[in-house]
Amino acid sequence: MNLLNDLTTDMLFWLCVLAFFICTCIAGWMLALKSESFFGDYEAVFKETTSTNLGDMFLFVDAQKLFVCNIIAIIMLPLMSLMLFDSLVIAIGVFLLTLFLPFKIYRGMRKRRLAKIEKQLPDALIMISGSLAAGGSLNAALDSVVRDQSPPISQEFMLFTREQRIGLEFEKSLRNMERRIPVADFLMFTSAMKISREVGGDLGTVLNTLAETLRRKATMEGKIESLTGQGKMQGIVMTGLPILLGLLLYALEPEAMSKLFTTPIGWGFVSVIFVMEVLGYFFIQKVTTIDV
C-alpha cells in the first residue's frame, strides 16, 4: 500500500511538472508572438514618424539606422547604469530618460526651426513686396527669397516653388507649407496669398503692411521676454535649490539622508517633494509666459 501511495504521489508530482512546463511553453510562445507583433508595429511607426518629422525639417536620415541606434540605446544604457551604480532605481530612471529624450530633442529642434522661420519672415515679406512693386511676378518674387534668404525659410519657399513647377495646385502647396510651419504669423501670410489669388488686390502692399506688423510684434515680444526673464530664472533656481541642498546634505550626512530612500516614510516625503517641485516649476513658468 505504501509503495502504491508513493507511486501515485510521484506520478502526480511529475504530471504537475509536465503541466507547468507545457503552460510555460505556451505562455512563452504567445508572449513571443505578441512581442514580435508589437516590435514590428513599433518599428513601422518609428520609421514612418521619423521619416515624416525629420523630412519636414529637411533632415534626411536613414530611418533604419536611427531605429537601430534607438533600440541599442534603450537596452544598453540602462544595463550600463545598473552595472555602474548597482541601483535599480537609477537604471529605471536612465531607461525612462532614454525613452523620452529623443522626443524632447525633436521638439526642441522643431521649436528652434519654427522660431527662426518666424524671425526671418518679415524680411522675406519685404523682399516679396519689393519684387512685386518693381513689376515682377509672384514666382519671380518667391525665387528671389530662395536665392537671397538663408535656411530654413529659403528651403520652405524652394519646396513651394518646386511643387508649382511640377504642376501641383497653388492651394495644395500652401496647405503643405501650413502643415510644415504651423505658426500664426506664417498662416497670416498664406491667408493673404489665398485672398489675393481669389479676389485680387495689391498683394505687395498687403505683404508690406503685414511685415511691418510682424516687426512691431517681434519688438513687443522681445520686451516682454526681457521683463519676464528674471521670473523664469527664479523658477529654475527655486526648483534646483532643494535638489542641490539635498545632494549636499547627502554628502555630509549619508546615514541620516539614506532614510529618505530606504524607508516608506522617506519614500512618501520624496514623492511629496517631487510633486511640489514639479507643480511649483510649472506654475512659475505659466505665470511668466505671456502670449502676444
C-alpha atoms as a PDB file:
ATOM      1  CA  MET A   1       0.000   0.000   0.000  1.00  0.00           C
ATOM      2  CA  ASN A   2       2.823   2.407   0.843  1.00  0.00           C
ATOM      3  CA  LEU A   3       4.501   1.588  -2.464  1.00  0.00           C
ATOM      4  CA  LEU A   4       1.248   2.348  -4.314  1.00  0.00           C
ATOM      5  CA  ASN A   5       0.876   5.650  -2.468  1.00  0.00           C
ATOM      6  CA  ASP A   6       4.468   6.589  -3.298  1.00  0.00           C
ATOM      7  CA  LEU A   7       3.941   5.765  -6.958  1.00  0.00           C
ATOM      8  CA  THR A   8       0.733   7.794  -7.034  1.00  0.00           C
ATOM      9  CA  THR A   9       2.447  10.757  -5.362  1.00  0.00           C
ATOM     10  CA  ASP A  10       5.395  10.609  -7.761  1.00  0.00           C
ATOM     11  CA  MET A  11       3.053  10.386 -10.746  1.00  0.00           C
ATOM     12  CA  LEU A  12       1.039  13.372  -9.578  1.00  0.00           C
ATOM     13  CA  PHE A  13       4.252  15.307  -8.995  1.00  0.00           C
ATOM     14  CA  TRP A  14       5.581  14.584 -12.481  1.00  0.00           C
ATOM     15  CA  LEU A  15       2.183  15.332 -14.009  1.00  0.00           C
ATOM     16  CA  CYS A  16       2.212  18.726 -12.276  1.00  0.00           C
ATOM     17  CA  VAL A  17       5.750  19.368 -13.508  1.00  0.00           C
ATOM     18  CA  LEU A  18       4.727  18.391 -17.054  1.00  0.00           C
ATOM     19  CA  ALA A  19       1.614  20.582 -16.912  1.00  0.00           C
ATOM     20  CA  PHE A  20       3.674  23.522 -15.611  1.00  0.00           C
ATOM     21  CA  PHE A  21       6.250  23.000 -18.365  1.00  0.00           C
ATOM     22  CA  ILE A  22       3.559  22.863 -21.062  1.00  0.00           C
ATOM     23  CA  CYS A  23       1.847  26.014 -19.709  1.00  0.00           C
ATOM     24  CA  THR A  24       5.195  27.821 -19.560  1.00  0.00           C
ATOM     25  CA  CYS A  25       5.967  26.862 -23.152  1.00  0.00           C
ATOM     26  CA  ILE A  26       2.537  28.016 -24.352  1.00  0.00           C
ATOM     27  CA  ALA A  27       2.817  31.297 -22.427  1.00  0.00           C
ATOM     28  CA  GLY A  28       6.328  31.875 -23.800  1.00  0.00           C
ATOM     29  CA  TRP A  29       5.186  31.128 -27.331  1.00  0.00           C
ATOM     30  CA  MET A  30       2.232  33.534 -27.039  1.00  0.00           C
ATOM     31  CA  LEU A  31       4.487  36.198 -25.497  1.00  0.00           C
ATOM     32  CA  ALA A  32       6.972  35.773 -28.334  1.00  0.00           C
ATOM     33  CA  LEU A  33       4.192  36.211 -30.902  1.00  0.00           C
ATOM     34  CA  LYS A  34       2.880  39.315 -29.135  1.00  0.00           C
ATOM     35  CA  SER A  35       6.397  40.728 -28.771  1.00  0.00           C
ATOM     36  CA  GLU A  36       7.110  40.140 -32.447  1.00  0.00           C
ATOM     37  CA  SER A  37       3.867  41.859 -33.419  1.00  0.00           C
ATOM     38  CA  PHE A  38       4.491  44.785 -31.034  1.00  0.00           C
ATOM     39  CA  PHE A  39       8.108  45.134 -32.148  1.00  0.00           C
ATOM     40  CA  GLY A  40       7.063  45.129 -35.812  1.00  0.00           C
ATOM     41  CA  ASP A  41       4.372  47.753 -35.212  1.00  0.00           C
ATOM     42  CA  TYR A  42       6.757  49.889 -33.149  1.00  0.00           C
ATOM     43  CA  GLU A  43       9.417  49.680 -35.843  1.00  0.00           C
ATOM     44  CA  ALA A  44       6.948  50.651 -38.576  1.00  0.00           C
ATOM     45  CA  VAL A  45       5.525  53.582 -36.603  1.00  0.00           C
ATOM     46  CA  PHE A  46       9.006  54.755 -35.569  1.00  0.00           C
ATOM     47  CA  LYS A  47      10.338  54.704 -39.126  1.00  0.00           C
ATOM     48  CA  GLU A  48       7.286  56.405 -40.609  1.00  0.00           C
ATOM     49  CA  THR A  49       7.189  59.090 -37.917  1.00  0.00           C
ATOM     50  CA  THR A  50      10.930  59.681 -38.125  1.00  0.00           C
ATOM     51  CA  SER A  51      10.932  59.989 -41.907  1.00  0.00           C
ATOM     52  CA  THR A  52       7.966  62.388 -41.899  1.00  0.00           C
ATOM     53  CA  ASN A  53       9.050  64.595 -38.996  1.00  0.00           C
ATOM     54  CA  LEU A  54      12.706  64.869 -39.952  1.00  0.00           C
ATOM     55  CA  GLY A  55      11.780  65.258 -43.621  1.00  0.00           C
ATOM     56  CA  ASP A  56       9.654  68.281 -42.718  1.00  0.00           C
ATOM     57  CA  MET A  57      12.788  69.839 -41.208  1.00  0.00           C
ATOM     58  CA  PHE A  58      14.877  68.895 -44.279  1.00  0.00           C
ATOM     59  CA  LEU A  59      16.912  66.403 -42.228  1.00  0.00           C
ATOM     60  CA  PHE A  60      17.259  63.296 -44.354  1.00  0.00           C
ATOM     61  CA  VAL A  61      18.472  60.498 -42.065  1.00  0.00           C
ATOM     62  CA  ASP A  62      18.262  56.754 -42.659  1.00  0.00           C
ATOM     63  CA  ALA A  63      15.284  55.684 -40.538  1.00  0.00           C
ATOM     64  CA  GLN A  64      16.562  52.094 -40.236  1.00  0.00           C
ATOM     65  CA  LYS A  65      19.920  53.184 -38.775  1.00  0.00           C
ATOM     66  CA  LEU A  66      18.203  55.615 -36.429  1.00  0.00           C
ATOM     67  CA  PHE A  67      15.845  52.868 -35.242  1.00  0.00           C
ATOM     68  CA  VAL A  68      18.762  50.504 -34.562  1.00  0.00           C
ATOM     69  CA  CYS A  69      20.578  53.218 -32.592  1.00  0.00           C
ATOM     70  CA  ASN A  70      17.395  53.893 -30.620  1.00  0.00           C
ATOM     71  CA  ILE A  71      16.948  50.213 -29.680  1.00  0.00           C
ATOM     72  CA  ILE A  72      20.631  49.865 -28.716  1.00  0.00           C
ATOM     73  CA  ALA A  73      20.423  52.962 -26.508  1.00  0.00           C
ATOM     74  CA  ILE A  74      17.192  51.798 -24.823  1.00  0.00           C
ATOM     75  CA  ILE A  75      18.744  48.398 -23.981  1.00  0.00           C
ATOM     76  CA  MET A  76      22.400  49.200 -23.328  1.00  0.00           C
ATOM     77  CA  LEU A  77      22.274  52.453 -21.340  1.00  0.00           C
ATOM     78  CA  PRO A  78      20.036  51.111 -18.502  1.00  0.00           C
ATOM     79  CA  LEU A  79      22.184  47.944 -18.292  1.00  0.00           C
ATOM     80  CA  MET A  80      25.386  50.001 -18.124  1.00  0.00           C
ATOM     81  CA  SER A  81      23.920  52.273 -15.433  1.00  0.00           C
ATOM     82  CA  LEU A  82      22.810  49.188 -13.470  1.00  0.00           C
ATOM     83  CA  MET A  83      26.317  47.717 -13.610  1.00  0.00           C
ATOM     84  CA  LEU A  84      28.000  51.010 -12.753  1.00  0.00           C
ATOM     85  CA  PHE A  85      25.758  52.176  -9.899  1.00  0.00           C
ATOM     86  CA  ASP A  86      24.199  48.847  -8.822  1.00  0.00           C
ATOM     87  CA  SER A  87      20.867  50.600  -8.387  1.00  0.00           C
ATOM     88  CA  LEU A  88      17.605  49.537  -9.986  1.00  0.00           C
ATOM     89  CA  VAL A  89      16.105  52.993  -9.395  1.00  0.00           C
ATOM     90  CA  ILE A  90      18.879  54.689 -11.385  1.00  0.00           C
ATOM     91  CA  ALA A  91      18.556  52.083 -14.149  1.00  0.00           C
ATOM     92  CA  ILE A  92      14.803  52.712 -14.423  1.00  0.00           C
ATOM     93  CA  GLY A  93      15.438  56.471 -14.483  1.00  0.00           C
ATOM     94  CA  VAL A  94      18.009  56.073 -17.266  1.00  0.00           C
ATOM     95  CA  PHE A  95      15.562  53.863 -19.178  1.00  0.00           C
ATOM     96  CA  LEU A  96      12.776  56.461 -18.957  1.00  0.00           C
ATOM     97  CA  LEU A  97      15.220  59.233 -19.875  1.00  0.00           C
ATOM     98  CA  THR A  98      16.446  57.268 -22.893  1.00  0.00           C
ATOM     99  CA  LEU A  99      12.866  56.530 -23.902  1.00  0.00           C
ATOM    100  CA  PHE A 100      11.616  60.118 -23.844  1.00  0.00           C
ATOM    101  CA  LEU A 101      14.785  62.123 -24.588  1.00  0.00           C
ATOM    102  CA  PRO A 102      14.625  61.690 -28.417  1.00  0.00           C
ATOM    103  CA  PHE A 103      11.118  63.177 -28.466  1.00  0.00           C
ATOM    104  CA  LYS A 104      12.311  66.082 -26.321  1.00  0.00           C
ATOM    105  CA  ILE A 105      15.265  66.669 -28.656  1.00  0.00           C
ATOM    106  CA  TYR A 106      12.982  66.584 -31.697  1.00  0.00           C
ATOM    107  CA  ARG A 107      10.531  69.055 -30.165  1.00  0.00           C
ATOM    108  CA  GLY A 108      13.423  71.367 -29.283  1.00  0.00           C
ATOM    109  CA  MET A 109      14.827  71.200 -32.816  1.00  0.00           C
ATOM    110  CA  ARG A 110      11.398  71.847 -34.324  1.00  0.00           C
ATOM    111  CA  LYS A 111      10.727  74.741 -31.940  1.00  0.00           C
ATOM    112  CA  ARG A 112      14.041  76.410 -32.794  1.00  0.00           C
ATOM    113  CA  ARG A 113      13.421  75.951 -36.507  1.00  0.00           C
ATOM    114  CA  LEU A 114       9.937  77.493 -36.326  1.00  0.00           C
ATOM    115  CA  ALA A 115      11.268  80.373 -34.216  1.00  0.00           C
ATOM    116  CA  LYS A 116      13.950  81.072 -36.820  1.00  0.00           C
ATOM    117  CA  ILE A 117      11.373  80.994 -39.638  1.00  0.00           C
ATOM    118  CA  GLU A 118       9.194  83.407 -37.666  1.00  0.00           C
ATOM    119  CA  LYS A 119      12.188  85.718 -37.246  1.00  0.00           C
ATOM    120  CA  GLN A 120      13.076  85.567 -40.964  1.00  0.00           C
ATOM    121  CA  LEU A 121       9.506  86.035 -42.193  1.00  0.00           C
ATOM    122  CA  PRO A 122       9.322  89.900 -42.112  1.00  0.00           C
ATOM    123  CA  ASP A 123      12.467  90.215 -44.251  1.00  0.00           C
ATOM    124  CA  ALA A 124      11.106  87.657 -46.695  1.00  0.00           C
ATOM    125  CA  LEU A 125       7.802  89.537 -46.949  1.00  0.00           C
ATOM    126  CA  ILE A 126       9.623  92.822 -47.586  1.00  0.00           C
ATOM    127  CA  MET A 127      11.625  91.108 -50.326  1.00  0.00           C
ATOM    128  CA  ILE A 128       8.491  89.696 -51.981  1.00  0.00           C
ATOM    129  CA  SER A 129       6.701  93.056 -51.679  1.00  0.00           C
ATOM    130  CA  GLY A 130       9.638  94.912 -53.227  1.00  0.00           C
ATOM    131  CA  SER A 131       9.871  92.473 -56.112  1.00  0.00           C
ATOM    132  CA  LEU A 132       6.135  92.805 -56.803  1.00  0.00           C
ATOM    133  CA  ALA A 133       6.345  96.607 -56.597  1.00  0.00           C
ATOM    134  CA  ALA A 134       9.162  96.525 -59.192  1.00  0.00           C
ATOM    135  CA  GLY A 135       6.844  94.756 -61.632  1.00  0.00           C
ATOM    136  CA  GLY A 136       7.997  91.185 -61.115  1.00  0.00           C
ATOM    137  CA  SER A 137       5.703  88.183 -60.982  1.00  0.00           C
ATOM    138  CA  LEU A 138       4.896  86.259 -57.806  1.00  0.00           C
ATOM    139  CA  ASN A 139       7.012  83.292 -58.896  1.00  0.00           C
ATOM    140  CA  ALA A 140       9.992  85.584 -59.531  1.00  0.00           C
ATOM    141  CA  ALA A 141       9.498  87.178 -56.105  1.00  0.00           C
ATOM    142  CA  LEU A 142       9.453  83.762 -54.423  1.00  0.00           C
ATOM    143  CA  ASP A 143      12.574  82.741 -56.371  1.00  0.00           C
ATOM    144  CA  SER A 144      14.347  85.823 -55.014  1.00  0.00           C
ATOM    145  CA  VAL A 145      13.543  84.650 -51.478  1.00  0.00           C
ATOM    146  CA  VAL A 146      15.024  81.242 -52.297  1.00  0.00           C
ATOM    147  CA  ARG A 147      18.207  82.828 -53.656  1.00  0.00           C
ATOM    148  CA  ASP A 148      18.822  85.603 -51.143  1.00  0.00           C
ATOM    149  CA  GLN A 149      17.435  84.311 -47.859  1.00  0.00           C
ATOM    150  CA  SER A 150      19.188  81.757 -45.644  1.00  0.00           C
ATOM    151  CA  PRO A 151      17.705  78.450 -44.451  1.00  0.00           C
ATOM    152  CA  PRO A 152      15.271  77.401 -43.139  1.00  0.00           C
ATOM    153  CA  ILE A 153      12.839  79.831 -44.789  1.00  0.00           C
ATOM    154  CA  SER A 154      14.589  79.560 -48.155  1.00  0.00           C
ATOM    155  CA  GLN A 155      14.154  75.784 -48.021  1.00  0.00           C
ATOM    156  CA  GLU A 156      10.409  76.110 -47.476  1.00  0.00           C
ATOM    157  CA  PHE A 157       9.949  78.527 -50.388  1.00  0.00           C
ATOM    158  CA  MET A 158      12.213  76.392 -52.566  1.00  0.00           C
ATOM    159  CA  LEU A 159       9.956  73.381 -51.941  1.00  0.00           C
ATOM    160  CA  PHE A 160       6.889  75.542 -52.649  1.00  0.00           C
ATOM    161  CA  THR A 161       8.283  76.753 -55.998  1.00  0.00           C
ATOM    162  CA  ARG A 162       9.308  73.234 -56.988  1.00  0.00           C
ATOM    163  CA  GLU A 163       5.799  71.956 -56.280  1.00  0.00           C
ATOM    164  CA  GLN A 164       4.446  74.728 -58.504  1.00  0.00           C
ATOM    165  CA  ARG A 165       6.805  73.775 -61.328  1.00  0.00           C
ATOM    166  CA  ILE A 166       5.672  70.143 -61.313  1.00  0.00           C
ATOM    167  CA  GLY A 167       2.035  71.243 -61.581  1.00  0.00           C
ATOM    168  CA  LEU A 168       0.728  70.989 -58.028  1.00  0.00           C
ATOM    169  CA  GLU A 169      -2.265  73.191 -57.231  1.00  0.00           C
ATOM    170  CA  PHE A 170      -1.460  76.538 -55.623  1.00  0.00           C
ATOM    171  CA  GLU A 171      -3.806  75.974 -52.673  1.00  0.00           C
ATOM    172  CA  LYS A 172      -2.400  72.481 -52.125  1.00  0.00           C
ATOM    173  CA  SER A 173       1.153  73.845 -51.980  1.00  0.00           C
ATOM    174  CA  LEU A 174       0.069  76.480 -49.475  1.00  0.00           C
ATOM    175  CA  ARG A 175      -1.634  73.824 -47.319  1.00  0.00           C
ATOM    176  CA  ASN A 176       1.580  71.796 -47.364  1.00  0.00           C
ATOM    177  CA  MET A 177       3.520  74.829 -46.168  1.00  0.00           C
ATOM    178  CA  GLU A 178       0.959  75.466 -43.439  1.00  0.00           C
ATOM    179  CA  ARG A 179       1.312  71.846 -42.274  1.00  0.00           C
ATOM    180  CA  ARG A 180       5.096  72.139 -42.097  1.00  0.00           C
ATOM    181  CA  ILE A 181       5.032  75.627 -40.494  1.00  0.00           C
ATOM    182  CA  PRO A 182       2.116  75.815 -38.017  1.00  0.00           C
ATOM    183  CA  VAL A 183       2.942  79.378 -36.949  1.00  0.00           C
ATOM    184  CA  ALA A 184       0.256  82.057 -36.612  1.00  0.00           C
ATOM    185  CA  ASP A 185       2.382  84.694 -38.372  1.00  0.00           C
ATOM    186  CA  PHE A 186       3.019  82.410 -41.314  1.00  0.00           C
ATOM    187  CA  LEU A 187      -0.674  81.493 -41.511  1.00  0.00           C
ATOM    188  CA  MET A 188      -1.467  85.193 -41.969  1.00  0.00           C
ATOM    189  CA  PHE A 189       0.928  85.268 -44.922  1.00  0.00           C
ATOM    190  CA  THR A 190      -0.667  82.199 -46.563  1.00  0.00           C
ATOM    191  CA  SER A 191      -4.139  83.669 -45.958  1.00  0.00           C
ATOM    192  CA  ALA A 192      -3.086  86.879 -47.708  1.00  0.00           C
ATOM    193  CA  MET A 193      -1.787  84.811 -50.633  1.00  0.00           C
ATOM    194  CA  LYS A 194      -5.070  82.875 -50.897  1.00  0.00           C
ATOM    195  CA  ILE A 195      -7.236  86.002 -50.704  1.00  0.00           C
ATOM    196  CA  SER A 196      -5.137  87.821 -53.285  1.00  0.00           C
ATOM    197  CA  ARG A 197      -5.360  84.885 -55.669  1.00  0.00           C
ATOM    198  CA  GLU A 198      -9.136  84.535 -55.251  1.00  0.00           C
ATOM    199  CA  VAL A 199     -10.353  88.163 -55.198  1.00  0.00           C
ATOM    200  CA  GLY A 200      -7.304  90.103 -56.406  1.00  0.00           C
ATOM    201  CA  GLY A 201      -5.865  93.239 -54.843  1.00  0.00           C
ATOM    202  CA  ASP A 202      -2.457  94.766 -54.260  1.00  0.00           C
ATOM    203  CA  LEU A 203      -0.580  91.840 -52.699  1.00  0.00           C
ATOM    204  CA  GLY A 204       2.640  93.841 -52.380  1.00  0.00           C
ATOM    205  CA  THR A 205       1.026  96.488 -50.173  1.00  0.00           C
ATOM    206  CA  VAL A 206      -0.667  93.824 -48.040  1.00  0.00           C
ATOM    207  CA  LEU A 207       2.617  91.974 -47.506  1.00  0.00           C
ATOM    208  CA  ASN A 208       4.451  95.204 -46.713  1.00  0.00           C
ATOM    209  CA  THR A 209       1.865  96.086 -44.057  1.00  0.00           C
ATOM    210  CA  LEU A 210       1.988  92.544 -42.672  1.00  0.00           C
ATOM    211  CA  ALA A 211       5.794  92.676 -42.455  1.00  0.00           C
ATOM    212  CA  GLU A 212       5.656  95.954 -40.506  1.00  0.00           C
ATOM    213  CA  THR A 213       3.057  94.456 -38.138  1.00  0.00           C
ATOM    214  CA  LEU A 214       5.222  91.381 -37.559  1.00  0.00           C
ATOM    215  CA  ARG A 215       8.246  93.568 -36.831  1.00  0.00           C
ATOM    216  CA  ARG A 216       6.311  95.508 -34.182  1.00  0.00           C
ATOM    217  CA  LYS A 217       5.035  92.238 -32.720  1.00  0.00           C
ATOM    218  CA  ALA A 218       8.591  90.846 -32.538  1.00  0.00           C
ATOM    219  CA  THR A 219       9.753  94.022 -30.776  1.00  0.00           C
ATOM    220  CA  MET A 220       6.968  93.741 -28.208  1.00  0.00           C
ATOM    221  CA  GLU A 221       7.712  90.053 -27.648  1.00  0.00           C
ATOM    222  CA  GLY A 222      11.378  90.891 -27.080  1.00  0.00           C
ATOM    223  CA  LYS A 223      10.474  93.456 -24.424  1.00  0.00           C
ATOM    224  CA  ILE A 224       8.120  91.013 -22.685  1.00  0.00           C
ATOM    225  CA  GLU A 225      10.743  88.273 -22.777  1.00  0.00           C
ATOM    226  CA  SER A 226      13.351  90.557 -21.226  1.00  0.00           C
ATOM    227  CA  LEU A 227      10.923  91.595 -18.469  1.00  0.00           C
ATOM    228  CA  THR A 228       9.874  88.016 -17.647  1.00  0.00           C
ATOM    229  CA  GLY A 229      13.378  86.554 -17.929  1.00  0.00           C
ATOM    230  CA  GLN A 230      14.147  87.225 -14.258  1.00  0.00           C
ATOM    231  CA  GLY A 231      10.979  85.427 -13.158  1.00  0.00           C
ATOM    232  CA  LYS A 232      11.791  82.403 -15.303  1.00  0.00           C
ATOM    233  CA  MET A 233      15.320  82.272 -13.889  1.00  0.00           C
ATOM    234  CA  GLN A 234      13.916  82.493 -10.358  1.00  0.00           C
ATOM    235  CA  GLY A 235      11.702  79.497 -11.150  1.00  0.00           C
ATOM    236  CA  ILE A 236      14.707  77.469 -12.296  1.00  0.00           C
ATOM    237  CA  VAL A 237      16.773  78.484  -9.238  1.00  0.00           C
ATOM    238  CA  MET A 238      13.963  77.785  -6.776  1.00  0.00           C
ATOM    239  CA  THR A 239      13.368  74.398  -8.367  1.00  0.00           C
ATOM    240  CA  GLY A 240      17.015  73.397  -8.386  1.00  0.00           C
ATOM    241  CA  LEU A 241      17.889  74.749  -4.918  1.00  0.00           C
ATOM    242  CA  PRO A 242      16.163  71.985  -2.873  1.00  0.00           C
ATOM    243  CA  ILE A 243      17.761  69.337  -5.079  1.00  0.00           C
ATOM    244  CA  LEU A 244      21.202  70.898  -4.624  1.00  0.00           C
ATOM    245  CA  LEU A 245      20.726  71.160  -0.846  1.00  0.00           C
ATOM    246  CA  GLY A 246      19.559  67.535  -0.734  1.00  0.00           C
ATOM    247  CA  LEU A 247      22.696  66.365  -2.550  1.00  0.00           C
ATOM    248  CA  LEU A 248      24.870  68.488  -0.249  1.00  0.00           C
ATOM    249  CA  LEU A 249      23.226  67.076   2.882  1.00  0.00           C
ATOM    250  CA  TYR A 250      23.553  63.553   1.485  1.00  0.00           C
ATOM    251  CA  ALA A 251      27.288  64.133   1.028  1.00  0.00           C
ATOM    252  CA  LEU A 252      27.624  65.484   4.599  1.00  0.00           C
ATOM    253  CA  GLU A 253      25.276  63.060   6.387  1.00  0.00           C
ATOM    254  CA  PRO A 254      24.771  59.992   4.192  1.00  0.00           C
ATOM    255  CA  GLU A 255      23.484  57.826   7.032  1.00  0.00           C
ATOM    256  CA  ALA A 256      20.726  60.244   8.027  1.00  0.00           C
ATOM    257  CA  MET A 257      19.741  61.133   4.450  1.00  0.00           C
ATOM    258  CA  SER A 258      19.681  57.490   3.342  1.00  0.00           C
ATOM    259  CA  LYS A 259      16.443  57.030   5.316  1.00  0.00           C
ATOM    260  CA  LEU A 260      14.686  59.063   2.628  1.00  0.00           C
ATOM    261  CA  PHE A 261      15.395  56.281   0.122  1.00  0.00           C
ATOM    262  CA  THR A 262      15.206  53.178   2.333  1.00  0.00           C
ATOM    263  CA  THR A 263      12.060  53.666   4.440  1.00  0.00           C
ATOM    264  CA  PRO A 264       8.389  54.016   3.465  1.00  0.00           C
ATOM    265  CA  ILE A 265       8.129  57.377   5.245  1.00  0.00           C
ATOM    266  CA  GLY A 266      11.164  58.595   3.342  1.00  0.00           C
ATOM    267  CA  TRP A 267       9.658  57.486   0.028  1.00  0.00           C
ATOM    268  CA  GLY A 268       6.492  59.367   0.925  1.00  0.00           C
ATOM    269  CA  PHE A 269       8.460  62.540   1.675  1.00  0.00           C
ATOM    270  CA  VAL A 270      10.429  62.211  -1.569  1.00  0.00           C
ATOM    271  CA  SER A 271       7.172  61.732  -3.542  1.00  0.00           C
ATOM    272  CA  VAL A 272       5.597  64.825  -1.944  1.00  0.00           C
ATOM    273  CA  ILE A 273       8.755  66.879  -2.586  1.00  0.00           C
ATOM    274  CA  PHE A 274       8.856  65.747  -6.208  1.00  0.00           C
ATOM    275  CA  VAL A 275       5.202  66.653  -6.813  1.00  0.00           C
ATOM    276  CA  MET A 276       5.610  70.055  -5.152  1.00  0.00           C
ATOM    277  CA  GLU A 277       8.776  70.768  -7.159  1.00  0.00           C
ATOM    278  CA  VAL A 278       7.057  69.949 -10.442  1.00  0.00           C
ATOM    279  CA  LEU A 279       3.935  71.968  -9.586  1.00  0.00           C
ATOM    280  CA  GLY A 280       5.990  74.954  -8.413  1.00  0.00           C
ATOM    281  CA  TYR A 281       8.103  75.000 -11.567  1.00  0.00           C
ATOM    282  CA  PHE A 282       5.006  74.580 -13.747  1.00  0.00           C
ATOM    283  CA  PHE A 283       3.096  77.438 -12.104  1.00  0.00           C
ATOM    284  CA  ILE A 284       6.078  79.808 -12.191  1.00  0.00           C
ATOM    285  CA  GLN A 285       6.618  79.112 -15.889  1.00  0.00           C
ATOM    286  CA  LYS A 286       2.895  79.547 -16.512  1.00  0.00           C
ATOM    287  CA  VAL A 287       2.809  82.935 -14.783  1.00  0.00           C
ATOM    288  CA  THR A 288       5.931  84.223 -16.569  1.00  0.00           C
ATOM    289  CA  THR A 289       4.841  83.032 -20.046  1.00  0.00           C
ATOM    290  CA  ILE A 290       2.823  85.706 -21.855  1.00  0.00           C
ATOM    291  CA  ASP A 291       1.433  85.127 -25.339  1.00  0.00           C
ATOM    292  CA  VAL A 292       1.252  88.157 -27.596  1.00  0.00           C
END
